Amino acid sequence: MPLLAKLLRSKLVIWILLIAPGVWALKPLFFPDPSDADPLKSTLLHLGLIACVTLATVLAFTPLRVLWPKWDVAQALNRHRRLVGVGAFAYALLHFTAQLLHVYDGGFGTFWKEIQKPFQLVGLVALVILFALTITSLNAAIRWMGGKAWKNLHRLAYLAAALAAYHQAIARKVFPMQVVWIFGPLALLEIARVWKQRARRAA
């Protein structure tokens, strides 16, 4: 087995890969840059970016496995789908918390006005979906819900990704290319996966 696949099979390596970006995102709060007028805003933007990247990454695991079933790296990554999925929720929750702290500085009136904006509500719906997926990520939830219902629920992860992409794009008031870079590869992988599965059924 190649070295990369061996490393990616390790939970410790995955934990490090998940936590390291968070340390980077929180750095402005503990070691502020004198040129950064709003460290908290920098942190919440970084956390939102990491949440989106993590969510897109975990959703890419399945199409990678379907498209390249014998690829050791794809097999190794799929061992950690739940862990990385929970990581995406954790970063989304930290992003939301930072947003609450940032907005609440202006008082309750400012907070209430901000939270009613469409992009904020869309982001909140995405967070609620990720929360539901996180609390049902245990094997006990599969037994309780039944495999089919559990699978249908967890397909909502794709809706959460679409909402997160919208939230990220609208929050900047202009369509940012980073949304394309984050979610574009995922969309291409999913199209290729669907095409391969349909071609296999038709054969």
Foldseek 3Di string as FASTA:
>chain_A
DDPLLVLLLDPVSVVCVLCVLLCVLCCCVVPNDPVDPDSLVSSLLSLLLSLLLLLLVLLLLVLVCLVPVPDSNSVSNPVCSLVSLVSSLVSLVVSVVSVQVVQCVVPPVSSVVVCPDPLNVLSVVLSVLSVVLNVCVDPVNCVVQPVVRNVVSVVCSVVSSVSSLVSSQVVVVHGDCVSCVRNVVSVVSVVVSVVVVVVVVVD
